Each structure stands twice: as structure tokens, then as C-alpha cells.
């Protein structure tokens, strides 16, 4: 008998007592005693299982941390190897050319390719969005301070915000950053619904905006990294 069934049994006994105008006869008293013993045993058993779960969870968290640390080391080593490959391909590879649809002429794309009998390696540069956490906190605070008294779509000195979304920050805002913004707003007595912050993985719009060197978005800067593609 599980805990819910025992509770149902006890409820039934108590209902019978009520129907008997509060009188607990010998039969009901016996059933109540048995049910209470079953409840005691079941609660103890459940608490024991909870303790086991707690121990297992703590152990698994240790394993997870060890795995996360190992993954981070592997990713760091992988990045180092990719950087070395990129440097070699830029130095010894061939420029990748592409036909210009307007002029009909072949033009260099900025990417480089290196072919071996077994693999082909392509390397190109791509823009990345880098976030300064301290500056982001200042940015988020300025948003919260403004929307507490004004409309979200009317950010002073931040016209570029309108390209983001209805808080007008849909792109370039990671989930933790969105949570931070909600938390700051909540502490200021402002509720921001999920629909007001549209979080996207792609930073394309933000990259385009940062290309214009806008005022008020100092929390984000454009970086550059090499993308290495290996085809076998």
C-alpha cells in the first residue's frame, strides 16, 4: 500500500467517525491504529529513500562537475589545435574565390583552403559578439530604470534597442542575461513577461547593429574568430 492509499484509508476512517457523531468504536480504533502504523512505516521508508536520493544526487553532481571540467579542458585543447590549423592554412593554403554575380569576375572571399589526399580544410573568419558582464549590468539597470517610468519602446539615447524586440532586446541576449534583466526589474517592482523579452540564439541582428558603432551598447563588442571546417 502506497502513501496515497494509506491517506485515503485514514480519511475514510475519520469520515466514519464523523458519521458516528465523533464516536470511535473498537473496530474503527483498531483500523486507525493499523493505519497509523502503516503511515509511520511508509513515512520512514519514504524518508529513507529521499536520503538515498540526496546522496546519489550529491555524488552525481560531483561526477557532473568532473565531466564538465574535463569537457572544458578538451574544448580548450580543441580550440588550440584549431588555432594552429588556421594559422597553417592561412600561411600555406589557397585563397577561396567566388564568382561575383554582378561583375562576373572571381573574387577572393577572405577564406582559405588546404587540400591533402585525404582531407580538405577550409578556414574563414567570422564575427562574434562578446559581452562585458559589468557593463551589461549597467545596461540592464538603465533599461529597468527607464521602463519604470516610460514606455519600453522609447529608450533615451538608445535608438538601436528598437532593432532588438519588444523590450526590444530579442537578439544578442542570452538566457542568463534575460533572467538578470527580469530579476533587476522585479526588484524594482516591474514585472517583465516572457513575451517582452524574446531570447534568440542568433546574434546576427546585434552584429549588424554593432557594426554601426552605436551609442549606449557598450556592453557588447564585436570580436573575430576563425572557423575551421574539415571535410574527409
C-alpha atoms as a PDB file:
ATOM      1  CA  UNK A   1       0.000   0.000   0.000  1.00  0.00           C
ATOM      2  CA  UNK A   2       1.461   3.357  -1.008  1.00  0.00           C
ATOM      3  CA  UNK A   3       1.245   6.624   0.906  1.00  0.00           C
ATOM      4  CA  UNK A   4      -1.739   7.913  -1.057  1.00  0.00           C
ATOM      5  CA  UNK A   5      -3.692   4.723  -0.364  1.00  0.00           C
ATOM      6  CA  UNK A   6      -2.871   4.959   3.357  1.00  0.00           C
ATOM      7  CA  UNK A   7      -4.072   8.575   3.406  1.00  0.00           C
ATOM      8  CA  UNK A   8      -7.283   7.517   1.680  1.00  0.00           C
ATOM      9  CA  UNK A   9      -7.721   4.783   4.305  1.00  0.00           C
ATOM     10  CA  UNK A  10      -7.220   7.247   7.158  1.00  0.00           C
ATOM     11  CA  UNK A  11      -9.611   9.749   5.566  1.00  0.00           C
ATOM     12  CA  UNK A  12     -12.227   7.021   5.298  1.00  0.00           C
ATOM     13  CA  UNK A  13     -11.808   6.152   8.996  1.00  0.00           C
ATOM     14  CA  UNK A  14     -12.109   9.815  10.038  1.00  0.00           C
ATOM     15  CA  UNK A  15     -15.213  10.229   7.852  1.00  0.00           C
ATOM     16  CA  UNK A  16     -16.790   7.215   9.575  1.00  0.00           C
ATOM     17  CA  UNK A  17     -16.012   8.728  12.978  1.00  0.00           C
ATOM     18  CA  UNK A  18     -17.726  11.958  11.875  1.00  0.00           C
ATOM     19  CA  UNK A  19     -20.744   9.974  10.668  1.00  0.00           C
ATOM     20  CA  UNK A  20     -20.804   8.260  14.097  1.00  0.00           C
ATOM     21  CA  UNK A  21     -21.011  11.712  15.679  1.00  0.00           C
ATOM     22  CA  UNK A  22     -17.417  11.560  16.877  1.00  0.00           C
ATOM     23  CA  UNK A  23     -17.684   8.126  18.435  1.00  0.00           C
ATOM     24  CA  UNK A  24     -14.724   5.822  17.819  1.00  0.00           C
ATOM     25  CA  UNK A  25     -15.832   2.239  18.279  1.00  0.00           C
ATOM     26  CA  UNK A  26     -13.488  -0.701  18.882  1.00  0.00           C
ATOM     27  CA  UNK A  27     -13.423  -1.722  15.215  1.00  0.00           C
ATOM     28  CA  UNK A  28     -12.571   1.759  13.952  1.00  0.00           C
ATOM     29  CA  UNK A  29      -9.994   2.198  16.723  1.00  0.00           C
ATOM     30  CA  UNK A  30      -8.267  -0.986  15.592  1.00  0.00           C
ATOM     31  CA  UNK A  31      -8.335   0.112  11.938  1.00  0.00           C
ATOM     32  CA  UNK A  32      -6.989   3.544  12.927  1.00  0.00           C
ATOM     33  CA  UNK A  33      -4.122   2.016  14.906  1.00  0.00           C
ATOM     34  CA  UNK A  34      -3.162  -0.219  11.987  1.00  0.00           C
ATOM     35  CA  UNK A  35      -3.407   2.657   9.519  1.00  0.00           C
ATOM     36  CA  UNK A  36      -1.260   4.890  11.709  1.00  0.00           C
ATOM     37  CA  UNK A  37       1.376   2.170  11.986  1.00  0.00           C
ATOM     38  CA  UNK A  38       1.308   1.774   8.211  1.00  0.00           C
ATOM     39  CA  UNK A  39       1.646   5.544   7.861  1.00  0.00           C
ATOM     40  CA  UNK A  40       4.615   5.628  10.267  1.00  0.00           C
ATOM     41  CA  UNK A  41       6.341   2.797   8.389  1.00  0.00           C
ATOM     42  CA  UNK A  42       5.663   4.334   4.996  1.00  0.00           C
ATOM     43  CA  UNK A  43       6.857   7.795   6.020  1.00  0.00           C
ATOM     44  CA  UNK A  44      10.052   6.276   7.397  1.00  0.00           C
ATOM     45  CA  UNK A  45      10.550   4.305   4.190  1.00  0.00           C
ATOM     46  CA  UNK A  46       9.959   7.399   2.052  1.00  0.00           C
ATOM     47  CA  UNK A  47      12.355   9.480   4.145  1.00  0.00           C
ATOM     48  CA  UNK A  48      14.985   6.746   3.804  1.00  0.00           C
ATOM     49  CA  UNK A  49      14.564   6.791   0.014  1.00  0.00           C
ATOM     50  CA  UNK A  50      14.799  10.597  -0.006  1.00  0.00           C
ATOM     51  CA  UNK A  51      18.097  10.375   1.902  1.00  0.00           C
ATOM     52  CA  UNK A  52      19.368   7.860  -0.652  1.00  0.00           C
ATOM     53  CA  UNK A  53      18.337  10.161  -3.468  1.00  0.00           C
ATOM     54  CA  UNK A  54      20.104  13.064  -1.765  1.00  0.00           C
ATOM     55  CA  UNK A  55      23.318  11.066  -1.517  1.00  0.00           C
ATOM     56  CA  UNK A  56      23.040   9.913  -5.132  1.00  0.00           C
ATOM     57  CA  UNK A  57      22.308  13.448  -6.344  1.00  0.00           C
ATOM     58  CA  UNK A  58      25.333  14.837  -4.474  1.00  0.00           C
ATOM     59  CA  UNK A  59      27.538  12.118  -5.962  1.00  0.00           C
ATOM     60  CA  UNK A  60      26.181  12.668  -9.469  1.00  0.00           C
ATOM     61  CA  UNK A  61      26.792  16.412  -9.124  1.00  0.00           C
ATOM     62  CA  UNK A  62      30.425  15.622  -8.308  1.00  0.00           C
ATOM     63  CA  UNK A  63      30.612  13.403 -11.386  1.00  0.00           C
ATOM     64  CA  UNK A  64      28.961  16.112 -13.480  1.00  0.00           C
ATOM     65  CA  UNK A  65      31.437  18.742 -12.292  1.00  0.00           C
ATOM     66  CA  UNK A  66      34.326  16.420 -13.098  1.00  0.00           C
ATOM     67  CA  UNK A  67      32.852  15.757 -16.546  1.00  0.00           C
ATOM     68  CA  UNK A  68      32.168  19.460 -17.148  1.00  0.00           C
ATOM     69  CA  UNK A  69      35.768  20.269 -16.173  1.00  0.00           C
ATOM     70  CA  UNK A  70      37.038  17.542 -18.477  1.00  0.00           C
ATOM     71  CA  UNK A  71      34.862  18.772 -21.349  1.00  0.00           C
ATOM     72  CA  UNK A  72      36.148  22.323 -20.785  1.00  0.00           C
ATOM     73  CA  UNK A  73      39.757  21.079 -20.948  1.00  0.00           C
ATOM     74  CA  UNK A  74      39.050  19.111 -24.136  1.00  0.00           C
ATOM     75  CA  UNK A  75      37.334  22.123 -25.712  1.00  0.00           C
ATOM     76  CA  UNK A  76      40.280  24.337 -24.781  1.00  0.00           C
ATOM     77  CA  UNK A  77      42.724  21.845 -26.319  1.00  0.00           C
ATOM     78  CA  UNK A  78      40.498  21.552 -29.385  1.00  0.00           C
ATOM     79  CA  UNK A  79      40.491  25.333 -29.805  1.00  0.00           C
ATOM     80  CA  UNK A  80      44.289  25.412 -29.568  1.00  0.00           C
ATOM     81  CA  UNK A  81      44.564  22.780 -32.311  1.00  0.00           C
ATOM     82  CA  UNK A  82      42.080  24.668 -34.488  1.00  0.00           C
ATOM     83  CA  UNK A  83      44.072  27.884 -33.985  1.00  0.00           C
ATOM     84  CA  UNK A  84      47.234  26.070 -35.069  1.00  0.00           C
ATOM     85  CA  UNK A  85      45.453  24.635 -38.122  1.00  0.00           C
ATOM     86  CA  UNK A  86      44.039  28.054 -39.034  1.00  0.00           C
ATOM     87  CA  UNK A  87      47.469  29.671 -38.825  1.00  0.00           C
ATOM     88  CA  UNK A  88      48.975  26.998 -41.102  1.00  0.00           C
ATOM     89  CA  UNK A  89      46.132  27.151 -43.656  1.00  0.00           C
ATOM     90  CA  UNK A  90      46.272  30.952 -43.843  1.00  0.00           C
ATOM     91  CA  UNK A  91      50.019  30.676 -44.429  1.00  0.00           C
ATOM     92  CA  UNK A  92      50.184  27.715 -46.824  1.00  0.00           C
ATOM     93  CA  UNK A  93      46.637  27.338 -48.186  1.00  0.00           C
ATOM     94  CA  UNK A  94      44.997  28.772 -51.276  1.00  0.00           C
ATOM     95  CA  UNK A  95      42.582  31.714 -51.211  1.00  0.00           C
ATOM     96  CA  UNK A  96      38.974  30.690 -51.778  1.00  0.00           C
ATOM     97  CA  UNK A  97      37.469  32.602 -54.697  1.00  0.00           C
ATOM     98  CA  UNK A  98      33.856  33.097 -55.631  1.00  0.00           C
ATOM     99  CA  UNK A  99      32.262  34.496 -58.757  1.00  0.00           C
ATOM    100  CA  UNK A 100      30.740  37.935 -58.309  1.00  0.00           C
ATOM    101  CA  UNK A 101      27.199  37.791 -59.727  1.00  0.00           C
ATOM    102  CA  UNK A 102      27.288  41.459 -60.716  1.00  0.00           C
ATOM    103  CA  UNK A 103      30.689  41.641 -62.395  1.00  0.00           C
ATOM    104  CA  UNK A 104      31.113  38.014 -63.405  1.00  0.00           C
ATOM    105  CA  UNK A 105      34.642  38.141 -62.031  1.00  0.00           C
ATOM    106  CA  UNK A 106      36.128  35.784 -59.489  1.00  0.00           C
ATOM    107  CA  UNK A 107      36.957  37.482 -56.196  1.00  0.00           C
ATOM    108  CA  UNK A 108      38.709  36.333 -53.054  1.00  0.00           C
ATOM    109  CA  UNK A 109      36.298  35.682 -50.163  1.00  0.00           C
ATOM    110  CA  UNK A 110      38.843  36.005 -47.380  1.00  0.00           C
ATOM    111  CA  UNK A 111      38.643  32.281 -46.691  1.00  0.00           C
ATOM    112  CA  UNK A 112      41.500  29.871 -47.324  1.00  0.00           C
ATOM    113  CA  UNK A 113      41.579  26.199 -48.270  1.00  0.00           C
ATOM    114  CA  UNK A 114      44.209  23.495 -47.938  1.00  0.00           C
ATOM    115  CA  UNK A 115      43.813  20.100 -49.582  1.00  0.00           C
ATOM    116  CA  UNK A 116      45.592  16.851 -48.813  1.00  0.00           C
ATOM    117  CA  UNK A 117      44.936  13.467 -50.438  1.00  0.00           C
ATOM    118  CA  UNK A 118      42.672  12.636 -47.502  1.00  0.00           C
ATOM    119  CA  UNK A 119      41.108  15.841 -46.173  1.00  0.00           C
ATOM    120  CA  UNK A 120      40.215  19.388 -47.197  1.00  0.00           C
ATOM    121  CA  UNK A 121      40.490  22.142 -44.607  1.00  0.00           C
ATOM    122  CA  UNK A 122      38.675  25.449 -45.020  1.00  0.00           C
ATOM    123  CA  UNK A 123      39.294  28.411 -42.751  1.00  0.00           C
ATOM    124  CA  UNK A 124      37.324  31.632 -42.619  1.00  0.00           C
ATOM    125  CA  UNK A 125      36.892  34.453 -40.170  1.00  0.00           C
ATOM    126  CA  UNK A 126      33.565  35.209 -38.530  1.00  0.00           C
ATOM    127  CA  UNK A 127      32.364  37.951 -36.228  1.00  0.00           C
ATOM    128  CA  UNK A 128      31.468  37.117 -32.645  1.00  0.00           C
ATOM    129  CA  UNK A 129      29.570  39.106 -30.035  1.00  0.00           C
ATOM    130  CA  UNK A 130      31.471  39.497 -26.776  1.00  0.00           C
ATOM    131  CA  UNK A 131      29.750  40.645 -23.598  1.00  0.00           C
ATOM    132  CA  UNK A 132      31.285  42.602 -20.744  1.00  0.00           C
ATOM    133  CA  UNK A 133      29.270  41.413 -17.729  1.00  0.00           C
ATOM    134  CA  UNK A 134      29.866  44.530 -15.653  1.00  0.00           C
ATOM    135  CA  UNK A 135      28.851  46.818 -18.493  1.00  0.00           C
ATOM    136  CA  UNK A 136      25.861  44.572 -19.197  1.00  0.00           C
ATOM    137  CA  UNK A 137      24.683  45.024 -15.598  1.00  0.00           C
ATOM    138  CA  UNK A 138      24.861  48.809 -16.056  1.00  0.00           C
ATOM    139  CA  UNK A 139      22.996  48.478 -19.342  1.00  0.00           C
ATOM    140  CA  UNK A 140      20.280  46.299 -17.791  1.00  0.00           C
ATOM    141  CA  UNK A 141      19.931  48.727 -14.891  1.00  0.00           C
ATOM    142  CA  UNK A 142      19.460  51.620 -17.304  1.00  0.00           C
ATOM    143  CA  UNK A 143      16.719  49.642 -19.060  1.00  0.00           C
ATOM    144  CA  UNK A 144      14.973  48.903 -15.757  1.00  0.00           C
ATOM    145  CA  UNK A 145      15.240  52.493 -14.568  1.00  0.00           C
ATOM    146  CA  UNK A 146      13.770  53.734 -17.826  1.00  0.00           C
ATOM    147  CA  UNK A 147      10.861  51.319 -18.189  1.00  0.00           C
ATOM    148  CA  UNK A 148       9.813  52.002 -14.615  1.00  0.00           C
ATOM    149  CA  UNK A 149       8.644  55.462 -15.734  1.00  0.00           C
ATOM    150  CA  UNK A 150       8.447  55.292 -19.525  1.00  0.00           C
ATOM    151  CA  UNK A 151       7.381  53.045 -22.341  1.00  0.00           C
ATOM    152  CA  UNK A 152       9.716  50.236 -23.261  1.00  0.00           C
ATOM    153  CA  UNK A 153       9.894  51.338 -26.885  1.00  0.00           C
ATOM    154  CA  UNK A 154      11.161  54.815 -26.013  1.00  0.00           C
ATOM    155  CA  UNK A 155      14.652  54.274 -24.654  1.00  0.00           C
ATOM    156  CA  UNK A 156      16.520  57.601 -24.415  1.00  0.00           C
ATOM    157  CA  UNK A 157      19.857  57.684 -26.249  1.00  0.00           C
ATOM    158  CA  UNK A 158      19.392  54.046 -27.252  1.00  0.00           C
ATOM    159  CA  UNK A 159      17.509  54.100 -30.569  1.00  0.00           C
ATOM    160  CA  UNK A 160      19.299  50.878 -31.566  1.00  0.00           C
ATOM    161  CA  UNK A 161      17.307  48.995 -28.938  1.00  0.00           C
ATOM    162  CA  UNK A 162      14.301  49.081 -31.273  1.00  0.00           C
ATOM    163  CA  UNK A 163      16.087  46.595 -33.525  1.00  0.00           C
ATOM    164  CA  UNK A 164      16.132  44.002 -30.776  1.00  0.00           C
ATOM    165  CA  UNK A 165      12.485  43.383 -29.801  1.00  0.00           C
ATOM    166  CA  UNK A 166       9.626  44.487 -27.594  1.00  0.00           C
ATOM    167  CA  UNK A 167      11.945  45.280 -24.648  1.00  0.00           C
ATOM    168  CA  UNK A 168      13.458  45.482 -27.629  1.00  0.00           C
ATOM    169  CA  UNK A 169      16.231  43.098 -26.854  1.00  0.00           C
ATOM    170  CA  UNK A 170      15.481  39.845 -28.608  1.00  0.00           C
ATOM    171  CA  UNK A 171      18.801  39.163 -30.205  1.00  0.00           C
ATOM    172  CA  UNK A 172      22.152  39.012 -28.512  1.00  0.00           C
ATOM    173  CA  UNK A 173      20.550  38.478 -25.116  1.00  0.00           C
ATOM    174  CA  UNK A 174      21.453  35.159 -23.556  1.00  0.00           C
ATOM    175  CA  UNK A 175      19.045  33.349 -21.256  1.00  0.00           C
ATOM    176  CA  UNK A 176      21.065  34.224 -18.095  1.00  0.00           C
ATOM    177  CA  UNK A 177      21.136  37.868 -19.204  1.00  0.00           C
ATOM    178  CA  UNK A 178      17.380  37.840 -19.763  1.00  0.00           C
ATOM    179  CA  UNK A 179      16.953  36.348 -16.296  1.00  0.00           C
ATOM    180  CA  UNK A 180      19.205  39.072 -14.870  1.00  0.00           C
ATOM    181  CA  UNK A 181      17.104  41.741 -16.550  1.00  0.00           C
ATOM    182  CA  UNK A 182      13.894  40.217 -15.194  1.00  0.00           C
ATOM    183  CA  UNK A 183      15.426  39.991 -11.703  1.00  0.00           C
ATOM    184  CA  UNK A 184      16.511  43.641 -11.744  1.00  0.00           C
ATOM    185  CA  UNK A 185      13.078  44.683 -12.951  1.00  0.00           C
ATOM    186  CA  UNK A 186      11.343  42.552 -10.327  1.00  0.00           C
ATOM    187  CA  UNK A 187      13.454  44.108  -7.559  1.00  0.00           C
ATOM    188  CA  UNK A 188      12.294  47.488  -8.836  1.00  0.00           C
ATOM    189  CA  UNK A 189       8.667  46.346  -8.741  1.00  0.00           C
ATOM    190  CA  UNK A 190       8.418  45.890 -12.513  1.00  0.00           C
ATOM    191  CA  UNK A 191       7.113  42.642 -13.972  1.00  0.00           C
ATOM    192  CA  UNK A 192       8.532  41.638 -17.347  1.00  0.00           C
ATOM    193  CA  UNK A 193       6.707  38.816 -19.099  1.00  0.00           C
ATOM    194  CA  UNK A 194       8.486  36.219 -21.188  1.00  0.00           C
ATOM    195  CA  UNK A 195       6.775  37.690 -24.235  1.00  0.00           C
ATOM    196  CA  UNK A 196       8.504  41.012 -23.541  1.00  0.00           C
ATOM    197  CA  UNK A 197      11.999  39.529 -23.811  1.00  0.00           C
ATOM    198  CA  UNK A 198      12.476  37.430 -26.884  1.00  0.00           C
ATOM    199  CA  UNK A 199      15.673  35.430 -26.475  1.00  0.00           C
ATOM    200  CA  UNK A 200      17.317  34.164 -29.631  1.00  0.00           C
ATOM    201  CA  UNK A 201      20.460  32.111 -30.049  1.00  0.00           C
ATOM    202  CA  UNK A 202      21.476  34.007 -33.188  1.00  0.00           C
ATOM    203  CA  UNK A 203      23.264  37.309 -32.705  1.00  0.00           C
ATOM    204  CA  UNK A 204      23.005  38.371 -36.350  1.00  0.00           C
ATOM    205  CA  UNK A 205      20.908  41.489 -35.730  1.00  0.00           C
ATOM    206  CA  UNK A 206      23.144  42.539 -32.856  1.00  0.00           C
ATOM    207  CA  UNK A 207      26.250  42.042 -35.035  1.00  0.00           C
ATOM    208  CA  UNK A 208      24.714  44.264 -37.704  1.00  0.00           C
ATOM    209  CA  UNK A 209      23.911  46.911 -35.111  1.00  0.00           C
ATOM    210  CA  UNK A 210      27.365  46.802 -33.532  1.00  0.00           C
ATOM    211  CA  UNK A 211      28.864  47.304 -36.996  1.00  0.00           C
ATOM    212  CA  UNK A 212      27.445  50.830 -36.847  1.00  0.00           C
ATOM    213  CA  UNK A 213      29.254  51.550 -33.543  1.00  0.00           C
ATOM    214  CA  UNK A 214      26.053  52.622 -31.745  1.00  0.00           C
ATOM    215  CA  UNK A 215      25.884  54.711 -28.601  1.00  0.00           C
ATOM    216  CA  UNK A 216      24.656  53.015 -25.439  1.00  0.00           C
ATOM    217  CA  UNK A 217      25.522  49.414 -26.302  1.00  0.00           C
ATOM    218  CA  UNK A 218      28.973  49.368 -24.737  1.00  0.00           C
ATOM    219  CA  UNK A 219      28.194  46.079 -23.009  1.00  0.00           C
ATOM    220  CA  UNK A 220      28.714  44.320 -26.337  1.00  0.00           C
ATOM    221  CA  UNK A 221      31.664  44.444 -28.697  1.00  0.00           C
ATOM    222  CA  UNK A 222      32.397  42.663 -31.940  1.00  0.00           C
ATOM    223  CA  UNK A 223      35.173  40.124 -31.869  1.00  0.00           C
ATOM    224  CA  UNK A 224      36.557  37.833 -34.518  1.00  0.00           C
ATOM    225  CA  UNK A 225      37.390  34.160 -34.584  1.00  0.00           C
ATOM    226  CA  UNK A 226      38.493  31.579 -37.122  1.00  0.00           C
ATOM    227  CA  UNK A 227      36.045  28.901 -38.196  1.00  0.00           C
ATOM    228  CA  UNK A 228      37.837  25.686 -39.200  1.00  0.00           C
ATOM    229  CA  UNK A 229      35.947  23.160 -41.320  1.00  0.00           C
ATOM    230  CA  UNK A 230      37.472  19.765 -42.058  1.00  0.00           C
ATOM    231  CA  UNK A 231      35.996  17.581 -44.792  1.00  0.00           C
ATOM    232  CA  UNK A 232      37.091  13.985 -45.302  1.00  0.00           C
END
